[in-house]
Amino acid sequence: MKRFLLSFVLVVTGCAGVPDSPVLFFPEKVSQGDFAFGFATPESDVTMNGEKIEQRDDGWFAFAVGRDERGTLDFKAVKGGKTASRRLEISPVAWRIQKKDGLPQNTVTPNETESKRVAGDFERTRKAREKRVSGQMPLCFVSPAEGGISSVYGSQRVLNGVEKAPHNALDIANAAGTPIVAPAAGVVLLAQDDMFLSGKTVLIGHGQGVVTSYIHLSEISVKTGEKIEKGRQIGKMGMTGRATGPHLHWVVTWKNKRVNPQSLLDNSAVFCLSEKTAEEPAPQTENAEQQEEKQ
């Protein structure tokens, strides 16, 4: 499948023209928690389960499956009065159970004052993720840090004996101070120095609803609103907030879905192979006036 996808990518990126009738292309399988890429003839109206999806100018787009999402994904591409349709079945995943002990108890069961602070932090990150980022979403993403995987995405977490929400991130462990870099071009949506659970936190918007988050940093080296390129250092690995050791808690979201960062790396690898030497322009945030003009 990867060889077939690579051939398709090379054909599409090297093609001078595109068909007038809509064409839809996807991986042959998607599972719970997956981040994936699809292709539709450029300038098509693309929807997934009735919700509009933004395309890049070359026709590629991102889509994702929530951790607990079930059923099917129904895609449609409409162009020039012609329609292409395709349905993907969501494959279930048997998630692991992960137990962690030794955490400060107030970070597991915070008191009323701490709970209000957590709620405020959550609202701040929610608003940051909702910021509109314009420009072409990058197709090639690389790992933001070197190290070993200490916690995988999707596992059901039991913290200090208390069952908590699933682990919707990928944890990369290494020595404190290990550089953290941007996996792709984007705009810094949030650079927050002291969040109760996540500590020093950075959020990057990459366009088309894709946002990546970097949590428990020991240092932050970017500012909110800053445009950054792939490979730019954004901070250093640490253990601020709720953590038992130095690691990067890496979150990937597409719209309101938290998805598996490893699937983003796996599914973008083919684009990294075919990426041209010219650097892609970084997306830009749109101001309120620009967003109102589009509505």
Protein backbone atom coordinates (compact mmCIF):
# COMPACT_ATOMS: atom_id res chain seq x y z
CA MET A 1 0.00 0.00 0.00
CA LYS A 2 2.80 2.45 0.84
CA ARG A 3 4.45 1.77 -2.53
CA PHE A 4 1.13 2.37 -4.31
CA LEU A 5 0.56 5.59 -2.34
CA LEU A 6 4.06 6.80 -3.20
CA SER A 7 3.40 6.15 -6.90
CA PHE A 8 0.12 8.07 -6.66
CA VAL A 9 1.80 11.00 -4.88
CA LEU A 10 4.54 11.19 -7.49
CA VAL A 11 2.06 11.06 -10.35
CA VAL A 12 -0.19 13.76 -8.83
CA THR A 13 2.63 16.11 -7.85
CA GLY A 14 4.28 15.72 -11.24
CA CYS A 15 1.10 16.11 -13.30
CA ALA A 16 0.66 19.34 -15.24
CA GLY A 17 -3.10 18.91 -15.51
CA VAL A 18 -5.89 17.37 -13.44
CA PRO A 19 -9.14 15.71 -14.53
CA ASP A 20 -12.31 17.80 -14.68
CA SER A 21 -14.44 15.04 -13.16
CA PRO A 22 -13.83 14.58 -9.41
CA VAL A 23 -11.46 11.87 -8.28
CA LEU A 24 -11.21 10.59 -4.69
CA PHE A 25 -8.18 8.74 -3.31
CA PHE A 26 -7.66 7.43 0.24
CA PRO A 27 -5.71 4.82 2.16
CA GLU A 28 -7.43 1.46 1.90
CA LYS A 29 -7.89 1.23 5.68
CA VAL A 30 -8.42 3.63 8.60
CA SER A 31 -8.53 2.78 12.30
CA GLN A 32 -9.69 4.53 15.44
CA GLY A 33 -7.34 7.39 16.28
CA ASP A 34 -5.86 7.66 12.77
CA PHE A 35 -4.69 10.85 11.09
CA ALA A 36 -4.74 10.40 7.32
CA PHE A 37 -4.48 12.22 4.02
CA GLY A 38 -6.88 12.07 1.10
CA PHE A 39 -6.91 13.48 -2.40
CA ALA A 40 -9.72 14.95 -4.48
CA THR A 41 -9.57 16.77 -7.77
CA PRO A 42 -8.53 20.36 -6.95
CA GLU A 43 -11.34 22.88 -6.46
CA SER A 44 -13.86 20.15 -5.64
CA ASP A 45 -16.42 20.54 -2.86
CA VAL A 46 -15.30 17.79 -0.45
CA THR A 47 -17.32 16.57 2.52
CA MET A 48 -16.89 13.83 5.13
CA ASN A 49 -20.12 12.66 6.77
CA GLY A 50 -21.70 15.87 5.50
CA GLU A 51 -19.02 18.19 6.96
CA LYS A 52 -16.98 20.32 4.56
CA ILE A 53 -13.25 19.61 4.33
CA GLU A 54 -10.66 22.16 3.20
CA GLN A 55 -8.29 21.15 0.41
CA ARG A 56 -4.83 22.34 -0.43
CA ASP A 57 -4.52 23.94 -3.85
CA ASP A 58 -3.09 20.68 -5.19
CA GLY A 59 -6.10 18.65 -3.98
CA TRP A 60 -4.66 16.96 -0.88
CA PHE A 61 -6.47 17.27 2.44
CA ALA A 62 -6.30 15.91 5.98
CA PHE A 63 -8.93 13.94 7.83
CA ALA A 64 -8.99 12.02 11.07
CA VAL A 65 -10.82 9.41 13.14
CA GLY A 66 -11.48 9.96 16.85
CA ARG A 67 -10.20 7.44 19.40
CA ASP A 68 -13.68 6.09 20.16
CA GLU A 69 -15.28 6.81 16.77
CA ARG A 70 -17.11 3.91 15.15
CA GLY A 71 -19.02 3.18 11.97
CA THR A 72 -18.13 4.65 8.58
CA LEU A 73 -16.71 7.75 6.95
CA ASP A 74 -18.70 8.83 3.90
CA PHE A 75 -16.82 11.10 1.50
CA LYS A 76 -18.15 13.08 -1.43
CA ALA A 77 -16.34 15.26 -3.96
CA VAL A 78 -18.44 17.44 -6.25
CA LYS A 79 -17.11 19.39 -9.21
CA GLY A 80 -18.79 20.67 -12.35
CA GLY A 81 -22.05 18.96 -11.47
CA LYS A 82 -20.33 15.55 -11.19
CA THR A 83 -19.94 13.59 -7.96
CA ALA A 84 -17.49 10.98 -6.69
CA SER A 85 -18.32 9.08 -3.50
CA ARG A 86 -16.47 6.66 -1.29
CA ARG A 87 -17.09 5.00 2.07
CA LEU A 88 -14.42 3.90 4.54
CA GLU A 89 -15.10 1.50 7.39
CA ILE A 90 -13.48 2.43 10.71
CA SER A 91 -11.45 -0.47 12.11
CA PRO A 92 -11.60 -0.83 15.92
CA VAL A 93 -8.46 -0.83 18.10
CA ALA A 94 -7.89 -2.75 21.34
CA TRP A 95 -6.46 0.02 23.53
CA ARG A 96 -3.96 -0.71 26.29
CA ILE A 97 -4.44 -0.01 29.99
CA GLN A 98 -1.60 2.03 31.50
CA LYS A 99 -1.01 2.59 35.21
CA LYS A 100 1.09 5.44 36.61
CA ASP A 101 1.80 6.01 40.29
CA GLY A 102 3.82 8.59 42.19
CA LEU A 103 2.13 11.67 40.75
CA PRO A 104 1.37 14.60 43.09
CA GLN A 105 -2.13 13.73 44.29
CA ASN A 106 -3.46 17.27 43.73
CA THR A 107 -2.69 16.92 40.00
CA VAL A 108 -4.81 13.75 39.89
CA THR A 109 -7.69 14.98 42.07
CA PRO A 110 -7.29 18.79 42.23
CA ASN A 111 -9.17 20.81 44.85
CA GLU A 112 -11.80 23.44 43.97
CA THR A 113 -9.30 26.25 43.44
CA GLU A 114 -7.02 24.07 41.34
CA SER A 115 -10.00 22.75 39.35
CA LYS A 116 -10.91 26.33 38.41
CA ARG A 117 -7.36 26.89 37.24
CA VAL A 118 -7.49 23.70 35.16
CA ALA A 119 -10.78 24.85 33.61
CA GLY A 120 -9.22 28.21 32.75
CA ASP A 121 -6.23 26.52 31.13
CA PHE A 122 -8.57 24.28 29.13
CA GLU A 123 -10.53 27.27 27.88
CA ARG A 124 -7.34 29.07 26.89
CA THR A 125 -6.13 26.13 24.80
CA ARG A 126 -9.57 25.60 23.29
CA LYS A 127 -9.67 29.19 22.03
CA ALA A 128 -6.12 28.85 20.68
CA ARG A 129 -7.03 25.73 18.69
CA GLU A 130 -10.01 27.54 17.17
CA LYS A 131 -7.86 30.30 15.66
CA ARG A 132 -8.06 30.32 11.91
CA VAL A 133 -4.74 29.56 10.16
CA SER A 134 -4.53 30.30 6.45
CA GLY A 135 -2.10 28.98 3.87
CA GLN A 136 -1.19 25.53 2.63
CA MET A 137 -1.15 22.76 5.25
CA PRO A 138 2.25 21.01 5.10
CA LEU A 139 2.17 17.37 4.02
CA CYS A 140 5.52 16.33 5.49
CA PHE A 141 5.72 16.14 9.32
CA VAL A 142 8.77 14.92 11.22
CA SER A 143 9.24 13.91 14.85
CA PRO A 144 9.55 16.93 17.14
CA ALA A 145 12.12 15.32 19.44
CA GLU A 146 14.64 12.53 19.77
CA GLY A 147 14.03 9.89 22.44
CA GLY A 148 12.15 6.74 23.31
CA ILE A 149 8.39 6.30 23.37
CA SER A 150 7.36 6.15 27.03
CA SER A 151 3.56 6.24 26.54
CA VAL A 152 1.56 5.49 23.41
CA TYR A 153 -1.61 7.15 22.20
CA GLY A 154 -5.01 5.82 23.20
CA SER A 155 -4.22 3.85 26.34
CA GLN A 156 -6.71 4.00 29.20
CA ARG A 157 -4.91 5.67 32.11
CA VAL A 158 -5.08 4.81 35.79
CA LEU A 159 -3.24 7.51 37.77
CA ASN A 160 -2.43 6.88 41.43
CA GLY A 161 -5.14 4.21 41.30
CA VAL A 162 -7.77 6.60 39.85
CA GLU A 163 -9.20 5.86 36.39
CA LYS A 164 -8.80 8.95 34.22
CA ALA A 165 -9.37 10.01 30.62
CA PRO A 166 -7.49 8.10 27.88
CA HIS A 167 -3.97 9.18 26.98
CA ASN A 168 -4.62 11.11 23.78
CA ALA A 169 -0.99 11.90 23.02
CA LEU A 170 2.41 10.37 22.26
CA ASP A 171 5.04 10.70 25.00
CA ILE A 172 8.70 10.94 23.94
CA ALA A 173 11.17 10.60 26.83
CA ASN A 174 14.75 11.84 26.91
CA ALA A 175 17.05 13.94 29.08
CA ALA A 176 15.83 17.29 30.36
CA GLY A 177 16.87 20.02 27.96
CA THR A 178 16.53 17.87 24.82
CA PRO A 179 15.57 20.24 21.94
CA ILE A 180 11.93 20.27 20.79
CA VAL A 181 11.44 21.37 17.18
CA ALA A 182 8.47 22.19 14.97
CA PRO A 183 7.57 19.09 12.93
CA ALA A 184 6.28 21.27 10.08
CA ALA A 185 5.76 24.93 9.20
CA GLY A 186 3.05 26.77 11.09
CA VAL A 187 2.02 29.60 13.37
CA VAL A 188 2.40 29.62 17.17
CA LEU A 189 -1.16 29.78 18.47
CA LEU A 190 -0.21 29.71 22.15
CA ALA A 191 3.00 29.90 24.18
CA GLN A 192 1.99 29.62 27.83
CA ASP A 193 4.56 29.56 30.61
CA ASP A 194 2.68 28.00 33.54
CA MET A 195 -0.34 25.74 33.10
CA PHE A 196 -1.41 23.67 36.09
CA LEU A 197 -1.37 20.22 34.46
CA SER A 198 0.65 20.77 31.29
CA GLY A 199 3.26 23.23 32.60
CA LYS A 200 5.07 25.16 29.88
CA THR A 201 2.97 24.62 26.75
CA VAL A 202 3.16 25.52 23.05
CA LEU A 203 0.46 25.08 20.38
CA ILE A 204 1.20 25.34 16.65
CA GLY A 205 -1.42 25.70 13.91
CA HIS A 206 -0.53 24.17 10.56
CA GLY A 207 -3.64 25.00 8.52
CA GLN A 208 -6.73 23.02 7.46
CA GLY A 209 -7.66 22.36 11.10
CA VAL A 210 -4.36 20.68 12.08
CA VAL A 211 -2.88 21.77 15.44
CA THR A 212 0.05 20.23 17.33
CA SER A 213 0.72 20.76 21.05
CA TYR A 214 3.92 20.46 23.10
CA ILE A 215 3.54 19.95 26.84
CA HIS A 216 5.75 19.76 29.99
CA LEU A 217 8.55 21.85 28.41
CA SER A 218 11.37 23.19 30.59
CA GLU A 219 11.88 26.21 28.31
CA ILE A 220 9.88 27.95 25.58
CA SER A 221 11.74 29.74 22.77
CA VAL A 222 8.84 31.03 20.62
CA LYS A 223 6.06 33.59 21.07
CA THR A 224 2.35 33.54 20.33
CA GLY A 225 1.67 34.68 16.76
CA GLU A 226 5.16 33.84 15.50
CA LYS A 227 5.51 32.13 12.10
CA ILE A 228 7.90 29.22 12.20
CA GLU A 229 9.41 26.77 9.72
CA LYS A 230 9.90 23.03 10.03
CA GLY A 231 12.85 22.21 12.29
CA ARG A 232 12.77 25.50 14.23
CA GLN A 233 13.47 24.90 17.93
CA ILE A 234 10.40 25.83 19.96
CA GLY A 235 11.63 24.80 23.40
CA LYS A 236 13.33 22.15 25.50
CA MET A 237 12.09 18.92 27.06
CA GLY A 238 11.17 19.05 30.74
CA MET A 239 8.73 17.85 33.38
CA THR A 240 6.70 20.93 34.28
CA GLY A 241 3.07 20.41 35.26
CA ARG A 242 1.84 16.86 35.96
CA ALA A 243 4.84 14.68 35.10
CA THR A 244 7.04 12.11 36.83
CA GLY A 245 10.06 12.54 34.55
CA PRO A 246 11.32 14.61 31.61
CA HIS A 247 9.38 13.91 28.42
CA LEU A 248 7.44 15.57 25.63
CA HIS A 249 3.67 15.06 25.72
CA TRP A 250 2.87 15.55 22.02
CA VAL A 251 -0.76 16.11 21.03
CA VAL A 252 -2.11 16.22 17.47
CA THR A 253 -5.63 17.45 16.75
CA TRP A 254 -7.66 17.75 13.58
CA LYS A 255 -10.59 20.06 14.23
CA ASN A 256 -12.00 18.76 17.54
CA LYS A 257 -10.45 15.27 17.33
CA ARG A 258 -7.34 14.25 19.23
CA VAL A 259 -5.56 11.70 17.08
CA ASN A 260 -2.52 9.45 17.13
CA PRO A 261 0.68 11.45 16.42
CA GLN A 262 2.41 8.26 15.25
CA SER A 263 -0.16 7.85 12.47
CA LEU A 264 0.57 11.44 11.38
CA LEU A 265 4.27 10.58 11.09
CA ASP A 266 3.60 7.28 9.34
CA ASN A 267 1.12 8.69 6.82
CA SER A 268 3.14 11.81 6.01
CA ALA A 269 6.40 9.89 5.47
CA VAL A 270 5.62 9.33 1.78
CA PHE A 271 5.27 13.09 1.28
CA CYS A 272 8.61 13.68 2.99
CA LEU A 273 10.17 11.36 0.40
CA SER A 274 8.60 13.27 -2.49
CA GLU A 275 8.95 16.75 -0.99
CA LYS A 276 10.59 19.24 -3.28
CA THR A 277 13.66 21.16 -2.18
CA ALA A 278 11.76 24.45 -2.20
CA GLU A 279 10.46 25.30 1.26
CA GLU A 280 6.70 25.57 1.69
CA PRO A 281 5.47 28.99 2.86
CA ALA A 282 4.37 29.07 6.50
CA PRO A 283 0.62 29.49 7.09
CA GLN A 284 -0.57 32.81 8.45
CA THR A 285 -3.23 33.63 11.00
CA GLU A 286 -6.22 35.56 9.72
CA ASN A 287 -7.44 38.56 11.66
CA ALA A 288 -11.07 38.99 12.67
CA GLU A 289 -11.78 41.33 9.73
CA GLN A 290 -10.51 38.78 7.18
CA GLN A 291 -12.59 36.01 8.77
CA GLU A 292 -15.72 38.19 8.69
CA GLU A 293 -15.20 38.89 4.97
CA LYS A 294 -15.30 35.12 4.28
CA GLN A 295 -18.54 34.60 6.22
